[in-house]
C-alpha atoms as a PDB file:
ATOM      1  CA  MET A   1      -2.509  22.111  -8.296  1.00  0.00           C
ATOM      2  CA  GLU A   2       1.178  21.307  -8.455  1.00  0.00           C
ATOM      3  CA  VAL A   3       3.719  23.939  -7.404  1.00  0.00           C
ATOM      4  CA  PRO A   4       6.718  22.769  -9.447  1.00  0.00           C
ATOM      5  CA  LEU A   5      10.352  23.717  -9.648  1.00  0.00           C
ATOM      6  CA  ILE A   6      10.247  25.091 -13.178  1.00  0.00           C
ATOM      7  CA  PRO A   7      13.555  24.681 -15.057  1.00  0.00           C
ATOM      8  CA  THR A   8      15.064  27.426 -17.201  1.00  0.00           C
ATOM      9  CA  LEU A   9      12.987  27.501 -20.359  1.00  0.00           C
ATOM     10  CA  SER A  10      12.791  29.412 -23.623  1.00  0.00           C
ATOM     11  CA  PHE A  11       9.789  30.597 -25.578  1.00  0.00           C
ATOM     12  CA  SER A  12      11.609  29.594 -28.771  1.00  0.00           C
ATOM     13  CA  SER A  13      11.736  25.956 -29.849  1.00  0.00           C
ATOM     14  CA  LYS A  14      14.947  26.437 -31.849  1.00  0.00           C
ATOM     15  CA  LYS A  15      17.863  24.262 -30.684  1.00  0.00           C
ATOM     16  CA  HIS A  16      15.719  22.659 -27.989  1.00  0.00           C
ATOM     17  CA  GLN A  17      14.527  19.070 -27.773  1.00  0.00           C
ATOM     18  CA  TYR A  18      12.041  19.177 -24.877  1.00  0.00           C
ATOM     19  CA  THR A  19       8.619  20.774 -24.653  1.00  0.00           C
ATOM     20  CA  HIS A  20       7.290  21.462 -21.167  1.00  0.00           C
ATOM     21  CA  VAL A  21       3.502  21.481 -20.923  1.00  0.00           C
ATOM     22  CA  TRP A  22       0.949  22.235 -18.220  1.00  0.00           C
ATOM     23  CA  VAL A  23      -1.582  19.394 -18.028  1.00  0.00           C
ATOM     24  CA  ARG A  24      -5.022  19.265 -16.411  1.00  0.00           C
ATOM     25  CA  LYS A  25      -6.750  15.921 -15.804  1.00  0.00           C
ATOM     26  CA  SER A  26      -9.508  14.113 -13.943  1.00  0.00           C
ATOM     27  CA  GLY A  27     -10.414  10.450 -13.496  1.00  0.00           C
ATOM     28  CA  LEU A  28      -7.013   9.280 -14.723  1.00  0.00           C
ATOM     29  CA  THR A  29      -3.738   8.483 -12.999  1.00  0.00           C
ATOM     30  CA  THR A  30      -0.532  10.297 -13.906  1.00  0.00           C
ATOM     31  CA  PHE A  31       0.671   7.003 -15.393  1.00  0.00           C
ATOM     32  CA  ASP A  32      -2.395   6.998 -17.672  1.00  0.00           C
ATOM     33  CA  ILE A  33      -1.506  10.520 -18.815  1.00  0.00           C
ATOM     34  CA  LEU A  34       2.126   9.644 -19.479  1.00  0.00           C
ATOM     35  CA  GLU A  35       0.974   6.645 -21.518  1.00  0.00           C
ATOM     36  CA  LYS A  36      -1.418   8.760 -23.619  1.00  0.00           C
ATOM     37  CA  LEU A  37       1.250  11.396 -24.292  1.00  0.00           C
ATOM     38  CA  LYS A  38       3.783   8.685 -25.159  1.00  0.00           C
ATOM     39  CA  SER A  39       1.417   7.002 -27.602  1.00  0.00           C
ATOM     40  CA  PHE A  40       0.063  10.171 -29.201  1.00  0.00           C
ATOM     41  CA  PHE A  41       3.509  11.619 -29.904  1.00  0.00           C
ATOM     42  CA  SER A  42       5.082   8.199 -30.751  1.00  0.00           C
ATOM     43  CA  LEU A  43       7.668   8.297 -27.974  1.00  0.00           C
ATOM     44  CA  SER A  44       9.152   5.876 -25.433  1.00  0.00           C
ATOM     45  CA  PHE A  45       8.414   5.698 -21.706  1.00  0.00           C
ATOM     46  CA  GLU A  46      11.529   7.633 -20.707  1.00  0.00           C
ATOM     47  CA  ASP A  47      10.667  10.502 -23.086  1.00  0.00           C
ATOM     48  CA  VAL A  48       7.638  11.669 -21.065  1.00  0.00           C
ATOM     49  CA  VAL A  49       8.361  12.707 -17.475  1.00  0.00           C
ATOM     50  CA  SER A  50       6.371  14.200 -14.593  1.00  0.00           C
ATOM     51  CA  GLN A  51       7.688  15.632 -11.341  1.00  0.00           C
ATOM     52  CA  GLY A  52       5.006  14.032  -9.193  1.00  0.00           C
ATOM     53  CA  LEU A  53       1.988  11.720  -9.185  1.00  0.00           C
ATOM     54  CA  LYS A  54      -1.512  13.156  -8.946  1.00  0.00           C
ATOM     55  CA  ASP A  55      -4.665  11.463  -7.672  1.00  0.00           C
ATOM     56  CA  GLU A  56      -7.068  10.191 -10.278  1.00  0.00           C
ATOM     57  CA  ASP A  57     -10.160  10.987  -8.168  1.00  0.00           C
ATOM     58  CA  ALA A  58      -9.666  14.756  -8.326  1.00  0.00           C
ATOM     59  CA  ILE A  59      -9.174  17.522 -10.862  1.00  0.00           C
ATOM     60  CA  THR A  60      -5.403  18.084 -10.860  1.00  0.00           C
ATOM     61  CA  GLU A  61      -2.814  20.111 -12.757  1.00  0.00           C
ATOM     62  CA  GLN A  62       0.901  19.420 -13.217  1.00  0.00           C
ATOM     63  CA  LEU A  63       4.005  20.078 -15.301  1.00  0.00           C
ATOM     64  CA  ILE A  64       5.168  17.384 -17.755  1.00  0.00           C
ATOM     65  CA  SER A  65       8.137  17.368 -20.119  1.00  0.00           C
ATOM     66  CA  ILE A  66       7.955  15.739 -23.548  1.00  0.00           C
ATOM     67  CA  LYS A  67      11.080  14.891 -25.521  1.00  0.00           C
ATOM     68  CA  LYS A  68       9.756  16.389 -28.722  1.00  0.00           C
ATOM     69  CA  VAL A  69       9.147  19.878 -30.034  1.00  0.00           C
ATOM     70  CA  ILE A  70       5.394  20.305 -30.207  1.00  0.00           C
ATOM     71  CA  LYS A  71       3.421  23.294 -31.398  1.00  0.00           C
ATOM     72  CA  THR A  72      -0.036  24.716 -30.813  1.00  0.00           C
ATOM     73  CA  LYS A  73      -1.506  22.578 -33.609  1.00  0.00           C
ATOM     74  CA  ASP A  74      -0.224  19.448 -31.838  1.00  0.00           C
ATOM     75  CA  VAL A  75      -1.822  20.572 -28.585  1.00  0.00           C
ATOM     76  CA  ILE A  76      -5.131  21.141 -30.351  1.00  0.00           C
ATOM     77  CA  ALA A  77      -4.989  17.677 -31.937  1.00  0.00           C
ATOM     78  CA  PHE A  78      -4.186  16.000 -28.608  1.00  0.00           C
ATOM     79  CA  ASN A  79      -6.930  17.846 -26.745  1.00  0.00           C
ATOM     80  CA  LYS A  80      -9.480  17.051 -29.427  1.00  0.00           C
ATOM     81  CA  LYS A  81      -8.829  13.351 -28.881  1.00  0.00           C
ATOM     82  CA  TYR A  82      -8.878  13.262 -25.078  1.00  0.00           C
ATOM     83  CA  THR A  83     -10.964  16.124 -23.627  1.00  0.00           C
ATOM     84  CA  SER A  84     -14.425  15.097 -24.787  1.00  0.00           C
ATOM     85  CA  ARG A  85     -14.607  12.242 -22.298  1.00  0.00           C
ATOM     86  CA  LYS A  86     -15.812  11.983 -18.691  1.00  0.00           C
ATOM     87  CA  ASN A  87     -12.275  11.030 -17.656  1.00  0.00           C
ATOM     88  CA  PHE A  88     -10.252  13.671 -19.425  1.00  0.00           C
ATOM     89  CA  VAL A  89      -6.790  15.109 -19.957  1.00  0.00           C
ATOM     90  CA  ILE A  90      -6.065  18.466 -21.542  1.00  0.00           C
ATOM     91  CA  ILE A  91      -2.814  20.238 -22.327  1.00  0.00           C
ATOM     92  CA  LYS A  92      -3.666  23.722 -21.032  1.00  0.00           C
ATOM     93  CA  ASN A  93      -0.620  25.411 -22.515  1.00  0.00           C
ATOM     94  CA  ILE A  94       2.999  25.067 -23.572  1.00  0.00           C
ATOM     95  CA  VAL A  95       5.133  26.444 -20.706  1.00  0.00           C
ATOM     96  CA  GLY A  96       8.336  26.580 -22.755  1.00  0.00           C
ATOM     97  CA  TYR A  97      11.159  24.664 -24.432  1.00  0.00           C
ATOM     98  CA  GLY A  98      14.439  23.362 -23.037  1.00  0.00           C
ATOM     99  CA  ASN A  99      17.201  20.787 -23.314  1.00  0.00           C
ATOM    100  CA  GLU A 100      16.415  18.883 -20.125  1.00  0.00           C
ATOM    101  CA  ALA A 101      13.464  16.901 -18.860  1.00  0.00           C
ATOM    102  CA  VAL A 102      11.838  17.749 -15.550  1.00  0.00           C
ATOM    103  CA  ARG A 103      13.233  15.793 -12.633  1.00  0.00           C
ATOM    104  CA  GLU A 104      11.023  13.479 -10.621  1.00  0.00           C
ATOM    105  CA  ARG A 105      10.121  14.668  -7.104  1.00  0.00           C
ATOM    106  CA  MET A 106      11.660  18.084  -7.798  1.00  0.00           C
ATOM    107  CA  LEU A 107       8.651  20.152  -6.761  1.00  0.00           C
ATOM    108  CA  HIS A 108       7.716  22.303  -3.803  1.00  0.00           C
ATOM    109  CA  GLY A 109       4.376  20.615  -3.230  1.00  0.00           C
ATOM    110  CA  ASN A 110       0.715  21.068  -4.092  1.00  0.00           C
ATOM    111  CA  SER A 111      -1.906  23.748  -3.559  1.00  0.00           C
ATOM    112  CA  PHE A 112      -5.349  22.348  -2.675  1.00  0.00           C
ATOM    113  CA  ARG A 113      -8.872  23.706  -2.921  1.00  0.00           C
ATOM    114  CA  ILE A 114     -11.253  21.122  -1.497  1.00  0.00           C
ATOM    115  CA  VAL A 115     -15.021  21.393  -1.204  1.00  0.00           C
ATOM    116  CA  VAL A 116     -16.320  19.401   1.778  1.00  0.00           C
ATOM    117  CA  ARG A 117     -19.935  18.473   0.991  1.00  0.00           C
ATOM    118  CA  ASP A 118     -23.019  16.852   2.488  1.00  0.00           C
ATOM    119  CA  LEU A 119     -22.635  18.563   5.866  1.00  0.00           C
ATOM    120  CA  ASP A 120     -25.497  19.111   8.288  1.00  0.00           C
ATOM    121  CA  ASN A 121     -25.811  22.633   9.695  1.00  0.00           C
ATOM    122  CA  THR A 122     -24.143  21.831  13.025  1.00  0.00           C
ATOM    123  CA  THR A 123     -21.173  20.028  11.487  1.00  0.00           C
ATOM    124  CA  ALA A 124     -20.687  22.764   8.907  1.00  0.00           C
ATOM    125  CA  GLU A 125     -20.678  25.495  11.556  1.00  0.00           C
ATOM    126  CA  ASN A 126     -18.358  23.479  13.834  1.00  0.00           C
ATOM    127  CA  LEU A 127     -15.925  22.843  10.981  1.00  0.00           C
ATOM    128  CA  LEU A 128     -15.885  26.523  10.004  1.00  0.00           C
ATOM    129  CA  SER A 129     -15.373  27.546  13.630  1.00  0.00           C
ATOM    130  CA  TYR A 130     -12.594  25.016  14.203  1.00  0.00           C
ATOM    131  CA  ILE A 131     -10.615  26.030  11.096  1.00  0.00           C
ATOM    132  CA  SER A 132     -11.137  29.729  11.787  1.00  0.00           C
ATOM    133  CA  ASN A 133      -9.822  29.332  15.345  1.00  0.00           C
ATOM    134  CA  HIS A 134      -7.011  26.933  14.424  1.00  0.00           C
ATOM    135  CA  ARG A 135      -5.776  28.176  11.079  1.00  0.00           C
ATOM    136  CA  HIS A 136      -2.243  26.950  11.773  1.00  0.00           C
ATOM    137  CA  HIS A 137      -2.609  23.212  11.755  1.00  0.00           C
ATOM    138  CA  TYR A 138      -0.359  20.182  11.867  1.00  0.00           C
ATOM    139  CA  PHE A 139      -1.117  16.515  11.395  1.00  0.00           C
ATOM    140  CA  ILE A 140       0.421  13.024  11.197  1.00  0.00           C
ATOM    141  CA  ASN A 141       1.788  12.615   7.686  1.00  0.00           C
ATOM    142  CA  TYR A 142       0.397   9.157   6.919  1.00  0.00           C
ATOM    143  CA  TYR A 143       0.031   7.871   3.376  1.00  0.00           C
ATOM    144  CA  ASP A 144      -3.661   7.688   2.476  1.00  0.00           C
ATOM    145  CA  ASN A 145      -5.649   5.173   0.467  1.00  0.00           C
ATOM    146  CA  GLN A 146      -4.758   6.766  -2.907  1.00  0.00           C
ATOM    147  CA  ARG A 147      -1.287   5.277  -2.408  1.00  0.00           C
ATOM    148  CA  PHE A 148      -2.709   1.772  -2.250  1.00  0.00           C
ATOM    149  CA  GLY A 149      -5.212   1.643  -5.105  1.00  0.00           C
ATOM    150  CA  MET A 150      -7.696   3.459  -7.275  1.00  0.00           C
ATOM    151  CA  PRO A 151     -11.383   4.342  -6.708  1.00  0.00           C
ATOM    152  CA  GLY A 152     -13.431   1.173  -6.908  1.00  0.00           C
ATOM    153  CA  GLY A 153     -10.503  -0.879  -5.631  1.00  0.00           C
ATOM    154  CA  PRO A 154      -9.237  -3.298  -4.682  1.00  0.00           C
ATOM    155  CA  TYR A 155      -6.600  -1.336  -2.766  1.00  0.00           C
ATOM    156  CA  ASN A 156      -3.762  -3.780  -3.298  1.00  0.00           C
ATOM    157  CA  THR A 157      -0.873  -1.904  -4.929  1.00  0.00           C
ATOM    158  CA  HIS A 158       1.229  -2.484  -1.804  1.00  0.00           C
ATOM    159  CA  LEU A 159       0.553  -6.220  -2.132  1.00  0.00           C
ATOM    160  CA  ILE A 160       1.749  -6.090  -5.745  1.00  0.00           C
ATOM    161  CA  GLY A 161       4.880  -4.342  -4.500  1.00  0.00           C
ATOM    162  CA  LYS A 162       5.397  -6.859  -1.708  1.00  0.00           C
ATOM    163  CA  ALA A 163       5.213  -9.725  -4.221  1.00  0.00           C
ATOM    164  CA  ILE A 164       7.765  -7.962  -6.455  1.00  0.00           C
ATOM    165  CA  VAL A 165      10.093  -7.557  -3.459  1.00  0.00           C
ATOM    166  CA  LYS A 166       9.717 -11.303  -2.774  1.00  0.00           C
ATOM    167  CA  ASP A 167      10.530 -11.940  -6.473  1.00  0.00           C
ATOM    168  CA  ASN A 168       7.182 -13.715  -6.748  1.00  0.00           C
ATOM    169  CA  TRP A 169       6.086 -12.373 -10.133  1.00  0.00           C
ATOM    170  CA  LYS A 170       3.219 -14.843 -10.446  1.00  0.00           C
ATOM    171  CA  GLU A 171       1.659 -13.534  -7.252  1.00  0.00           C
ATOM    172  CA  ALA A 172       2.293  -9.944  -8.376  1.00  0.00           C
ATOM    173  CA  TYR A 173       0.538 -10.706 -11.678  1.00  0.00           C
ATOM    174  CA  GLN A 174      -2.446 -12.247  -9.894  1.00  0.00           C
ATOM    175  CA  TYR A 175      -2.814  -9.157  -7.728  1.00  0.00           C
ATOM    176  CA  ILE A 176      -2.538  -6.709 -10.621  1.00  0.00           C
ATOM    177  CA  LYS A 177      -4.933  -8.761 -12.740  1.00  0.00           C
ATOM    178  CA  ASN A 178      -7.532  -8.479  -9.959  1.00  0.00           C
ATOM    179  CA  SER A 179      -7.028  -4.714  -9.759  1.00  0.00           C
ATOM    180  CA  ILE A 180      -8.243  -2.089 -12.233  1.00  0.00           C
ATOM    181  CA  ASN A 181      -4.729  -1.285 -13.425  1.00  0.00           C
ATOM    182  CA  THR A 182      -4.462  -1.453 -17.210  1.00  0.00           C
ATOM    183  CA  LEU A 183      -2.359  -4.365 -18.428  1.00  0.00           C
ATOM    184  CA  PRO A 184      -0.385  -4.373 -21.689  1.00  0.00           C
ATOM    185  CA  ASP A 185      -2.446  -5.830 -24.550  1.00  0.00           C
ATOM    186  CA  SER A 186      -0.160  -8.861 -24.832  1.00  0.00           C
ATOM    187  CA  ALA A 187      -0.561  -9.574 -21.106  1.00  0.00           C
ATOM    188  CA  THR A 188      -4.262 -10.422 -21.164  1.00  0.00           C
ATOM    189  CA  ASP A 189      -3.749 -13.858 -22.681  1.00  0.00           C
ATOM    190  CA  GLY A 190      -4.717 -16.599 -20.227  1.00  0.00           C
ATOM    191  CA  SER A 191      -1.791 -18.755 -21.313  1.00  0.00           C
ATOM    192  CA  ILE A 192       0.889 -16.464 -19.839  1.00  0.00           C
ATOM    193  CA  THR A 193       3.708 -18.317 -18.122  1.00  0.00           C
ATOM    194  CA  ASP A 194       6.429 -15.659 -17.944  1.00  0.00           C
ATOM    195  CA  PHE A 195       4.821 -13.356 -15.398  1.00  0.00           C
ATOM    196  CA  LYS A 196       7.900 -11.183 -14.993  1.00  0.00           C
ATOM    197  CA  LYS A 197       7.758 -10.366 -18.704  1.00  0.00           C
ATOM    198  CA  VAL A 198       4.311  -8.842 -18.203  1.00  0.00           C
ATOM    199  CA  PHE A 199       5.801  -6.240 -15.885  1.00  0.00           C
ATOM    200  CA  LYS A 200       8.714  -5.630 -18.257  1.00  0.00           C
ATOM    201  CA  LEU A 201       6.169  -4.440 -20.837  1.00  0.00           C
ATOM    202  CA  MET A 202       4.924  -1.742 -18.446  1.00  0.00           C
ATOM    203  CA  ASN A 203       6.304   1.677 -17.779  1.00  0.00           C
ATOM    204  CA  PRO A 204       9.163   0.880 -15.347  1.00  0.00           C
ATOM    205  CA  LYS A 205       8.112   3.877 -13.258  1.00  0.00           C
ATOM    206  CA  LYS A 206       4.803   2.132 -12.634  1.00  0.00           C
ATOM    207  CA  VAL A 207       6.577  -1.026 -11.452  1.00  0.00           C
ATOM    208  CA  SER A 208       8.689   1.187  -9.197  1.00  0.00           C
ATOM    209  CA  PHE A 209       5.476   2.759  -7.884  1.00  0.00           C
ATOM    210  CA  PHE A 210       4.208  -0.652  -6.736  1.00  0.00           C
ATOM    211  CA  VAL A 211       7.386  -1.122  -4.703  1.00  0.00           C
ATOM    212  CA  SER A 212       7.008   2.406  -3.325  1.00  0.00           C
ATOM    213  CA  SER A 213       3.433   1.565  -2.353  1.00  0.00           C
ATOM    214  CA  TYR A 214       4.721  -1.327  -0.257  1.00  0.00           C
ATOM    215  CA  ASN A 215       7.259   1.073   1.274  1.00  0.00           C
ATOM    216  CA  SER A 216       4.358   3.377   2.154  1.00  0.00           C
ATOM    217  CA  PHE A 217       2.568   0.556   3.945  1.00  0.00           C
ATOM    218  CA  LEU A 218       5.714  -0.249   5.947  1.00  0.00           C
ATOM    219  CA  TRP A 219       6.278   3.443   6.741  1.00  0.00           C
ATOM    220  CA  ASN A 220       2.715   3.934   7.981  1.00  0.00           C
ATOM    221  CA  LYS A 221       3.135   0.967  10.284  1.00  0.00           C
ATOM    222  CA  GLN A 222       6.428   2.256  11.720  1.00  0.00           C
ATOM    223  CA  ALA A 223       5.203   5.855  12.046  1.00  0.00           C
ATOM    224  CA  SER A 224       2.064   4.664  13.842  1.00  0.00           C
ATOM    225  CA  SER A 225       4.196   2.888  16.439  1.00  0.00           C
ATOM    226  CA  ILE A 226       6.166   6.125  16.981  1.00  0.00           C
ATOM    227  CA  VAL A 227       2.980   8.157  17.461  1.00  0.00           C
ATOM    228  CA  ARG A 228       1.662   5.563  19.906  1.00  0.00           C
ATOM    229  CA  LYS A 229       4.909   5.617  21.909  1.00  0.00           C
ATOM    230  CA  HIS A 230       5.421   9.385  22.093  1.00  0.00           C
ATOM    231  CA  THR A 231       1.932  10.902  22.222  1.00  0.00           C
ATOM    232  CA  LYS A 232      -1.380  10.491  23.936  1.00  0.00           C
ATOM    233  CA  SER A 233      -3.128   8.792  21.056  1.00  0.00           C
ATOM    234  CA  LYS A 234      -5.906   6.471  19.991  1.00  0.00           C
ATOM    235  CA  LYS A 235      -6.047   3.798  17.323  1.00  0.00           C
ATOM    236  CA  GLN A 236      -8.274   4.815  14.432  1.00  0.00           C
ATOM    237  CA  HIS A 237      -9.396   2.762  11.452  1.00  0.00           C
ATOM    238  CA  PHE A 238      -8.873   4.295   8.014  1.00  0.00           C
ATOM    239  CA  GLU A 239     -10.709   2.553   5.193  1.00  0.00           C
ATOM    240  CA  ASN A 240      -8.369   0.855   2.695  1.00  0.00           C
ATOM    241  CA  VAL A 241      -5.368   1.940   4.802  1.00  0.00           C
ATOM    242  CA  GLY A 242      -5.722   0.112   8.114  1.00  0.00           C
ATOM    243  CA  ASP A 243      -5.455   0.950  11.804  1.00  0.00           C
ATOM    244  CA  LEU A 244      -3.229   3.927  12.670  1.00  0.00           C
ATOM    245  CA  TYR A 245      -2.633   5.850  15.876  1.00  0.00           C
ATOM    246  CA  ILE A 246      -3.700   9.519  15.940  1.00  0.00           C
ATOM    247  CA  PRO A 247      -2.961  12.012  18.763  1.00  0.00           C
ATOM    248  CA  THR A 248      -6.046  12.782  20.822  1.00  0.00           C
ATOM    249  CA  THR A 249      -5.026  16.410  21.424  1.00  0.00           C
ATOM    250  CA  ARG A 250      -4.406  19.198  18.929  1.00  0.00           C
ATOM    251  CA  LEU A 251      -1.067  20.036  20.559  1.00  0.00           C
ATOM    252  CA  PHE A 252       1.402  17.165  20.742  1.00  0.00           C
ATOM    253  CA  LEU A 253       5.117  16.404  20.493  1.00  0.00           C
ATOM    254  CA  CYS A 254       6.767  13.472  18.760  1.00  0.00           C
ATOM    255  CA  PRO A 255       9.903  12.761  16.676  1.00  0.00           C
ATOM    256  CA  SER A 256      10.020  14.749  13.445  1.00  0.00           C
ATOM    257  CA  ILE A 257      11.412  12.043  11.160  1.00  0.00           C
ATOM    258  CA  CYS A 258      10.551   8.361  10.767  1.00  0.00           C
ATOM    259  CA  ASP A 259      13.002   5.941   9.128  1.00  0.00           C
ATOM    260  CA  ALA A 260      11.344   2.699   8.029  1.00  0.00           C
ATOM    261  CA  ASP A 261      12.709  -0.375   6.297  1.00  0.00           C
ATOM    262  CA  GLY A 262      11.922  -0.305   2.602  1.00  0.00           C
ATOM    263  CA  TYR A 263      13.065  -1.219  -0.880  1.00  0.00           C
ATOM    264  CA  GLU A 264      14.242   0.402  -4.082  1.00  0.00           C
ATOM    265  CA  PHE A 265      13.373  -0.885  -7.542  1.00  0.00           C
ATOM    266  CA  ILE A 266      16.418  -1.205  -9.836  1.00  0.00           C
ATOM    267  CA  THR A 267      15.141  -0.714 -13.391  1.00  0.00           C
ATOM    268  CA  LYS A 268      18.145  -2.056 -15.306  1.00  0.00           C
ATOM    269  CA  GLU A 269      18.304  -5.273 -13.289  1.00  0.00           C
ATOM    270  CA  PHE A 270      14.538  -5.443 -12.793  1.00  0.00           C
ATOM    271  CA  THR A 271      14.955  -6.338  -9.155  1.00  0.00           C
ATOM    272  CA  THR A 272      14.868  -4.653  -5.738  1.00  0.00           C
ATOM    273  CA  LYS A 273      17.323  -3.880  -2.983  1.00  0.00           C
ATOM    274  CA  GLU A 274      16.865  -2.760   0.612  1.00  0.00           C
ATOM    275  CA  LYS A 275      16.659   0.964   1.252  1.00  0.00           C
ATOM    276  CA  LYS A 276      15.538   3.087   4.206  1.00  0.00           C
ATOM    277  CA  ASN A 277      12.424   5.178   3.618  1.00  0.00           C
ATOM    278  CA  SER A 278      12.686   8.505   5.473  1.00  0.00           C
ATOM    279  CA  ARG A 279       9.772  10.932   5.810  1.00  0.00           C
ATOM    280  CA  ASN A 280       8.409  13.678   8.034  1.00  0.00           C
ATOM    281  CA  VAL A 281       6.098  12.339  10.739  1.00  0.00           C
ATOM    282  CA  VAL A 282       4.407  15.702  11.266  1.00  0.00           C
ATOM    283  CA  VAL A 283       3.530  18.298   8.621  1.00  0.00           C
ATOM    284  CA  ALA A 284       2.351  21.831   9.370  1.00  0.00           C
ATOM    285  CA  THR A 285       0.205  23.996   7.127  1.00  0.00           C
ATOM    286  CA  THR A 286      -2.137  26.985   7.188  1.00  0.00           C
ATOM    287  CA  ILE A 287      -5.769  26.239   6.330  1.00  0.00           C
ATOM    288  CA  TYR A 288      -8.355  28.762   5.158  1.00  0.00           C
ATOM    289  CA  ALA A 289     -12.071  28.031   5.323  1.00  0.00           C
ATOM    290  CA  HIS A 290     -14.451  30.014   3.138  1.00  0.00           C
ATOM    291  CA  ASN A 291     -17.676  29.922   1.168  1.00  0.00           C
ATOM    292  CA  LEU A 292     -19.981  28.180   3.622  1.00  0.00           C
ATOM    293  CA  GLU A 293     -23.114  27.776   1.515  1.00  0.00           C
ATOM    294  CA  LYS A 294     -25.872  25.449   0.374  1.00  0.00           C
ATOM    295  CA  ASP A 295     -24.727  22.208  -1.224  1.00  0.00           C
ATOM    296  CA  GLU A 296     -26.378  22.049  -4.630  1.00  0.00           C
ATOM    297  CA  LEU A 297     -25.697  18.312  -4.826  1.00  0.00           C
ATOM    298  CA  HIS A 298     -27.315  17.379  -1.485  1.00  0.00           C
ATOM    299  CA  LYS A 299     -30.713  18.724  -0.460  1.00  0.00           C
ATOM    300  CA  ASN A 300     -30.845  20.650   2.837  1.00  0.00           C
ATOM    301  CA  ARG A 301     -27.089  20.208   3.349  1.00  0.00           C
ATOM    302  CA  LYS A 302     -24.118  22.579   3.418  1.00  0.00           C
ATOM    303  CA  LYS A 303     -20.697  22.700   1.796  1.00  0.00           C
ATOM    304  CA  LEU A 304     -17.484  24.411   2.878  1.00  0.00           C
ATOM    305  CA  THR A 305     -14.346  25.152   0.867  1.00  0.00           C
ATOM    306  CA  LEU A 306     -10.920  24.542   2.435  1.00  0.00           C
ATOM    307  CA  SER A 307      -7.723  25.899   0.864  1.00  0.00           C
ATOM    308  CA  PHE A 308      -4.151  25.051   1.888  1.00  0.00           C
ATOM    309  CA  PHE A 309      -0.684  24.053   0.692  1.00  0.00           C
ATOM    310  CA  LEU A 310       1.151  20.792   1.446  1.00  0.00           C
ATOM    311  CA  PRO A 311       4.732  19.722   0.677  1.00  0.00           C
ATOM    312  CA  THR A 312       5.192  17.008  -1.911  1.00  0.00           C
ATOM    313  CA  GLY A 313       4.127  13.544  -0.827  1.00  0.00           C
ATOM    314  CA  SER A 314       1.566  14.666   1.772  1.00  0.00           C
ATOM    315  CA  TYR A 315      -2.096  13.777   1.400  1.00  0.00           C
ATOM    316  CA  ALA A 316      -4.838  16.391   1.618  1.00  0.00           C
ATOM    317  CA  THR A 317      -7.446  13.731   2.350  1.00  0.00           C
ATOM    318  CA  MET A 318      -5.461  12.610   5.408  1.00  0.00           C
ATOM    319  CA  ILE A 319      -5.450  16.059   6.982  1.00  0.00           C
ATOM    320  CA  ILE A 320      -9.213  16.386   6.385  1.00  0.00           C
ATOM    321  CA  LYS A 321      -9.826  13.003   8.018  1.00  0.00           C
ATOM    322  CA  GLN A 322      -7.770  13.945  11.071  1.00  0.00           C
ATOM    323  CA  ILE A 323      -9.605  17.250  11.429  1.00  0.00           C
ATOM    324  CA  PHE A 324     -12.956  15.426  11.480  1.00  0.00           C
ATOM    325  CA  LEU A 325     -11.622  12.996  14.099  1.00  0.00           C
ATOM    326  CA  ARG A 326     -10.945  15.988  16.349  1.00  0.00           C
ATOM    327  CA  LEU A 327     -14.380  17.463  15.662  1.00  0.00           C
ATOM    328  CA  ASN A 328     -16.096  14.185  16.537  1.00  0.00           C
ATOM    329  CA  LYS A 329     -14.195  13.289  19.709  1.00  0.00           C
END
């Protein structure tokens, strides 16, 4: 669940042009949600804004601003159309009205409640014991596979971004066509010759995301070299992410910040320019383990719930993976 910076809002819609709503979704990307809100309320891309991006392979909640005054009846109509599906989105409630949209990346972070399933008795007990004895935990802040693709793959969003940086729009189109990203209706024609135009039909924030995905790949690579240089570490393979170095001890010291070469997407010019990508190498959090019980989805197995908070941009799946690496060493 997102922990946003909530702007000053009013309960009255009078003299306000934005409605801020709390949205719950599963099986859909944030870009999918923005597109559905845009289409349903007959708006443009820039009229529907989120503070952060949420994984599609989880149940997530976040704040979104809509440049239109909507009422309860509009919420009911939207939910009726989109909540009866396996992959769903629901507007839980109207938070308030204001004269400004939310600002991207202006959020504290995200609160997580993750159920780790399909555990044998020994692993479940060891995981509970480890978290109970090491509640204050820190980990290497790598980008995880959600940054590079969607469930079912291929995980190639960074390759799309790399092609955009190289100004090779044909290659970028070939990569996105082979992915499960939704293309504009007019972009599915096999006779397309203006490949850049295909991307101009998309939400520009999505094009920017592809470039950011390439930045994430470059950052992971640079951060991994820092971890290797400054800590006692071992190279580990992360599926759909690649080989990254992880400290072999729970207590370690390394530089706090990693600056990596990267790029920024310029919407108006529809091009990119060089820009440093700075990010924390190490993130600390407090983890609580509770509800060790039978896993109803896996016979004779256990499940354990883990709850914690992470600052924006950090990946809950990455901290879980690093914890299991320590359990299995």
